[in-house]
Amino acid sequence: MRCPSHDSESSGKFVEDDYKNLKVASHVIGLRDIEKELRSVHGLRNLLVYGYNKVNDELAFESMVKSLKFLREFSKRVKNWLEKSF
């Protein structure tokens, strides 16, 4: 079993960025119902890593706490997919 990004490469389509990776993974692994939230988590990650504008610590913390639910669900689904696939 190939991983989602390899599937797109073999079809001649190249993954352009993390959001495209997420879209491919959402389709292959079955994350469509939480894709929007995962995109938000990725945006928060970019904000924290690259320091776009100024970071509001309280707002960032609240966002991280809210994100935990979706990250746990994401981890569970990826684990299940890996166990079935490999």
N, C-alpha and C. Protein backbone atom coordinates (compact mmCIF):
# COMPACT_ATOMS: atom_id res chain seq x y z
N MET A 1 0.86 -1.18 0.00
CA MET A 1 0.00 0.00 0.00
C MET A 1 0.90 1.23 0.00
N ARG A 2 0.57 2.16 -0.85
CA ARG A 2 1.34 3.40 -0.94
C ARG A 2 0.69 4.48 -0.10
N CYS A 3 1.49 5.43 0.33
CA CYS A 3 0.92 6.54 1.10
C CYS A 3 0.25 7.52 0.14
N PRO A 4 -0.65 8.36 0.65
CA PRO A 4 -1.41 9.28 -0.22
C PRO A 4 -0.55 10.14 -1.14
N SER A 5 0.56 10.67 -0.63
CA SER A 5 1.35 11.55 -1.49
C SER A 5 2.01 10.77 -2.62
N HIS A 6 2.37 9.51 -2.37
CA HIS A 6 2.93 8.70 -3.44
C HIS A 6 1.89 8.39 -4.49
N ASP A 7 0.65 8.18 -4.07
CA ASP A 7 -0.42 7.93 -5.03
C ASP A 7 -0.56 9.11 -5.99
N SER A 8 -0.46 10.32 -5.48
CA SER A 8 -0.60 11.47 -6.35
C SER A 8 0.60 11.60 -7.28
N GLU A 9 1.79 11.23 -6.79
CA GLU A 9 2.97 11.29 -7.65
C GLU A 9 2.87 10.28 -8.79
N SER A 10 2.39 9.07 -8.48
CA SER A 10 2.33 8.04 -9.50
C SER A 10 1.30 8.37 -10.58
N SER A 11 0.34 9.21 -10.24
CA SER A 11 -0.67 9.60 -11.23
C SER A 11 -0.21 10.78 -12.07
N GLY A 12 1.01 11.26 -11.80
CA GLY A 12 1.52 12.39 -12.55
C GLY A 12 1.15 13.73 -11.95
N LYS A 13 0.43 13.72 -10.84
CA LYS A 13 0.06 14.96 -10.16
C LYS A 13 1.01 15.16 -8.99
N PHE A 14 1.58 16.32 -8.89
CA PHE A 14 2.52 16.59 -7.82
C PHE A 14 1.84 17.41 -6.73
N VAL A 15 2.10 17.01 -5.50
CA VAL A 15 1.54 17.72 -4.36
C VAL A 15 2.28 19.03 -4.22
N GLU A 16 1.52 20.11 -4.20
CA GLU A 16 2.13 21.43 -4.22
C GLU A 16 2.41 21.99 -2.84
N ASP A 17 1.57 21.71 -1.85
CA ASP A 17 1.77 22.28 -0.53
C ASP A 17 1.07 21.42 0.52
N ASP A 18 1.19 21.83 1.77
CA ASP A 18 0.61 21.07 2.87
C ASP A 18 -0.90 20.97 2.78
N TYR A 19 -1.55 22.02 2.30
CA TYR A 19 -3.01 21.98 2.20
C TYR A 19 -3.44 20.96 1.14
N LYS A 20 -2.68 20.85 0.08
CA LYS A 20 -2.97 19.84 -0.94
C LYS A 20 -2.73 18.44 -0.36
N ASN A 21 -1.66 18.27 0.41
CA ASN A 21 -1.41 17.00 1.08
C ASN A 21 -2.59 16.61 1.95
N LEU A 22 -3.11 17.57 2.69
CA LEU A 22 -4.24 17.31 3.58
C LEU A 22 -5.46 16.89 2.78
N LYS A 23 -5.68 17.53 1.66
CA LYS A 23 -6.83 17.19 0.82
C LYS A 23 -6.70 15.76 0.29
N VAL A 24 -5.50 15.39 -0.16
CA VAL A 24 -5.27 14.03 -0.65
C VAL A 24 -5.45 13.03 0.49
N ALA A 25 -4.86 13.31 1.65
CA ALA A 25 -4.99 12.41 2.80
C ALA A 25 -6.44 12.30 3.24
N SER A 26 -7.16 13.40 3.19
CA SER A 26 -8.57 13.38 3.57
C SER A 26 -9.36 12.42 2.70
N HIS A 27 -9.01 12.39 1.43
CA HIS A 27 -9.71 11.50 0.50
C HIS A 27 -9.31 10.04 0.73
N VAL A 28 -8.00 9.78 0.84
CA VAL A 28 -7.50 8.42 0.94
C VAL A 28 -7.77 7.80 2.31
N ILE A 29 -7.54 8.56 3.37
CA ILE A 29 -7.66 8.03 4.73
C ILE A 29 -9.07 8.19 5.28
N GLY A 30 -9.80 9.15 4.79
CA GLY A 30 -11.15 9.38 5.28
C GLY A 30 -11.20 10.42 6.38
N LEU A 31 -10.77 11.61 6.05
CA LEU A 31 -10.73 12.70 7.03
C LEU A 31 -11.63 13.87 6.63
N ARG A 32 -12.45 13.66 5.64
CA ARG A 32 -13.21 14.78 5.07
C ARG A 32 -14.03 15.53 6.11
N ASP A 33 -14.58 14.82 7.08
CA ASP A 33 -15.43 15.49 8.07
C ASP A 33 -14.65 16.37 9.04
N ILE A 34 -13.33 16.17 9.14
CA ILE A 34 -12.53 17.03 10.03
C ILE A 34 -11.46 17.81 9.26
N GLU A 35 -11.53 17.78 7.94
CA GLU A 35 -10.52 18.47 7.12
C GLU A 35 -10.46 19.97 7.42
N LYS A 36 -11.61 20.61 7.56
CA LYS A 36 -11.64 22.05 7.83
C LYS A 36 -10.90 22.38 9.12
N GLU A 37 -11.15 21.59 10.16
CA GLU A 37 -10.49 21.82 11.44
C GLU A 37 -8.99 21.57 11.35
N LEU A 38 -8.61 20.54 10.60
CA LEU A 38 -7.19 20.26 10.43
C LEU A 38 -6.49 21.38 9.66
N ARG A 39 -7.18 21.98 8.71
CA ARG A 39 -6.62 23.13 7.99
C ARG A 39 -6.39 24.29 8.96
N SER A 40 -7.32 24.48 9.89
CA SER A 40 -7.17 25.54 10.89
C SER A 40 -5.98 25.26 11.80
N VAL A 41 -5.81 23.99 12.18
CA VAL A 41 -4.67 23.61 13.02
C VAL A 41 -3.37 23.91 12.28
N HIS A 42 -3.34 23.60 11.00
CA HIS A 42 -2.13 23.88 10.21
C HIS A 42 -1.87 25.39 10.12
N GLY A 43 -2.93 26.16 9.97
CA GLY A 43 -2.77 27.61 9.95
C GLY A 43 -2.22 28.14 11.26
N LEU A 44 -2.69 27.58 12.38
CA LEU A 44 -2.17 27.97 13.69
C LEU A 44 -0.69 27.61 13.79
N ARG A 45 -0.35 26.45 13.30
CA ARG A 45 1.06 26.03 13.30
C ARG A 45 1.92 27.04 12.54
N ASN A 46 1.46 27.45 11.36
CA ASN A 46 2.21 28.43 10.58
C ASN A 46 2.34 29.75 11.32
N LEU A 47 1.27 30.17 11.96
CA LEU A 47 1.29 31.41 12.73
C LEU A 47 2.36 31.34 13.82
N LEU A 48 2.39 30.22 14.54
CA LEU A 48 3.34 30.08 15.65
C LEU A 48 4.78 29.91 15.16
N VAL A 49 4.97 29.13 14.11
CA VAL A 49 6.32 28.86 13.62
C VAL A 49 6.92 30.08 12.93
N TYR A 50 6.15 30.71 12.07
CA TYR A 50 6.69 31.81 11.28
C TYR A 50 6.43 33.17 11.89
N GLY A 51 5.61 33.22 12.93
CA GLY A 51 5.36 34.47 13.64
C GLY A 51 4.71 35.54 12.80
N TYR A 52 3.79 35.11 11.90
CA TYR A 52 3.08 36.10 11.09
C TYR A 52 2.45 37.13 12.02
N ASN A 53 2.68 38.39 11.73
CA ASN A 53 2.18 39.49 12.55
C ASN A 53 2.59 39.25 14.00
N LYS A 54 1.75 39.60 14.92
CA LYS A 54 2.05 39.34 16.32
C LYS A 54 1.10 38.27 16.82
N VAL A 55 1.62 37.38 17.65
CA VAL A 55 0.82 36.28 18.18
C VAL A 55 0.19 36.71 19.50
N ASN A 56 -1.12 36.53 19.60
CA ASN A 56 -1.85 36.75 20.84
C ASN A 56 -1.77 35.44 21.62
N ASP A 57 -0.99 35.43 22.71
CA ASP A 57 -0.74 34.19 23.45
C ASP A 57 -2.02 33.53 23.95
N GLU A 58 -2.93 34.33 24.48
CA GLU A 58 -4.18 33.76 25.02
C GLU A 58 -5.01 33.12 23.91
N LEU A 59 -5.14 33.81 22.81
CA LEU A 59 -5.91 33.29 21.69
C LEU A 59 -5.25 32.04 21.11
N ALA A 60 -3.93 32.06 21.00
CA ALA A 60 -3.20 30.90 20.49
C ALA A 60 -3.40 29.70 21.41
N PHE A 61 -3.34 29.92 22.72
CA PHE A 61 -3.54 28.83 23.68
C PHE A 61 -4.95 28.25 23.56
N GLU A 62 -5.95 29.12 23.48
CA GLU A 62 -7.34 28.65 23.32
C GLU A 62 -7.49 27.82 22.05
N SER A 63 -6.86 28.27 20.99
CA SER A 63 -6.93 27.53 19.72
C SER A 63 -6.25 26.17 19.84
N MET A 64 -5.13 26.11 20.56
CA MET A 64 -4.44 24.84 20.75
C MET A 64 -5.30 23.86 21.54
N VAL A 65 -5.94 24.34 22.59
CA VAL A 65 -6.81 23.48 23.40
C VAL A 65 -7.95 22.93 22.54
N LYS A 66 -8.57 23.79 21.74
CA LYS A 66 -9.66 23.34 20.86
C LYS A 66 -9.16 22.35 19.81
N SER A 67 -7.93 22.52 19.38
CA SER A 67 -7.36 21.67 18.33
C SER A 67 -7.06 20.25 18.81
N LEU A 68 -6.87 20.07 20.10
CA LEU A 68 -6.51 18.75 20.61
C LEU A 68 -7.52 17.68 20.23
N LYS A 69 -8.79 18.01 20.27
CA LYS A 69 -9.84 17.05 19.91
C LYS A 69 -9.65 16.54 18.49
N PHE A 70 -9.40 17.43 17.57
CA PHE A 70 -9.25 17.05 16.17
C PHE A 70 -7.92 16.34 15.92
N LEU A 71 -6.87 16.74 16.63
CA LEU A 71 -5.59 16.08 16.47
C LEU A 71 -5.64 14.64 16.99
N ARG A 72 -6.36 14.43 18.08
CA ARG A 72 -6.53 13.07 18.60
C ARG A 72 -7.29 12.20 17.60
N GLU A 73 -8.36 12.76 17.04
CA GLU A 73 -9.15 12.02 16.05
C GLU A 73 -8.31 11.74 14.80
N PHE A 74 -7.54 12.72 14.35
CA PHE A 74 -6.64 12.55 13.21
C PHE A 74 -5.66 11.41 13.48
N SER A 75 -5.03 11.42 14.66
CA SER A 75 -4.05 10.39 15.01
C SER A 75 -4.69 9.01 15.02
N LYS A 76 -5.88 8.92 15.57
CA LYS A 76 -6.59 7.64 15.63
C LYS A 76 -6.88 7.10 14.23
N ARG A 77 -7.34 7.96 13.35
CA ARG A 77 -7.68 7.52 11.99
C ARG A 77 -6.44 7.14 11.19
N VAL A 78 -5.37 7.90 11.34
CA VAL A 78 -4.14 7.57 10.63
C VAL A 78 -3.60 6.23 11.14
N LYS A 79 -3.63 6.04 12.44
CA LYS A 79 -3.18 4.77 13.02
C LYS A 79 -4.00 3.61 12.46
N ASN A 80 -5.32 3.75 12.44
CA ASN A 80 -6.18 2.69 11.90
C ASN A 80 -5.88 2.42 10.44
N TRP A 81 -5.68 3.49 9.66
CA TRP A 81 -5.37 3.34 8.25
C TRP A 81 -4.04 2.61 8.05
N LEU A 82 -3.04 2.98 8.86
CA LEU A 82 -1.74 2.32 8.75
C LEU A 82 -1.83 0.84 9.11
N GLU A 83 -2.57 0.53 10.17
CA GLU A 83 -2.72 -0.87 10.58
C GLU A 83 -3.40 -1.70 9.50
N LYS A 84 -4.37 -1.13 8.82
CA LYS A 84 -5.07 -1.85 7.75
C LYS A 84 -4.23 -1.95 6.48
N SER A 85 -3.40 -0.95 6.25
CA SER A 85 -2.67 -0.85 4.98
C SER A 85 -1.34 -1.58 4.96
N PHE A 86 -0.71 -1.68 6.11
CA PHE A 86 0.64 -2.25 6.12
C PHE A 86 0.65 -3.49 6.95
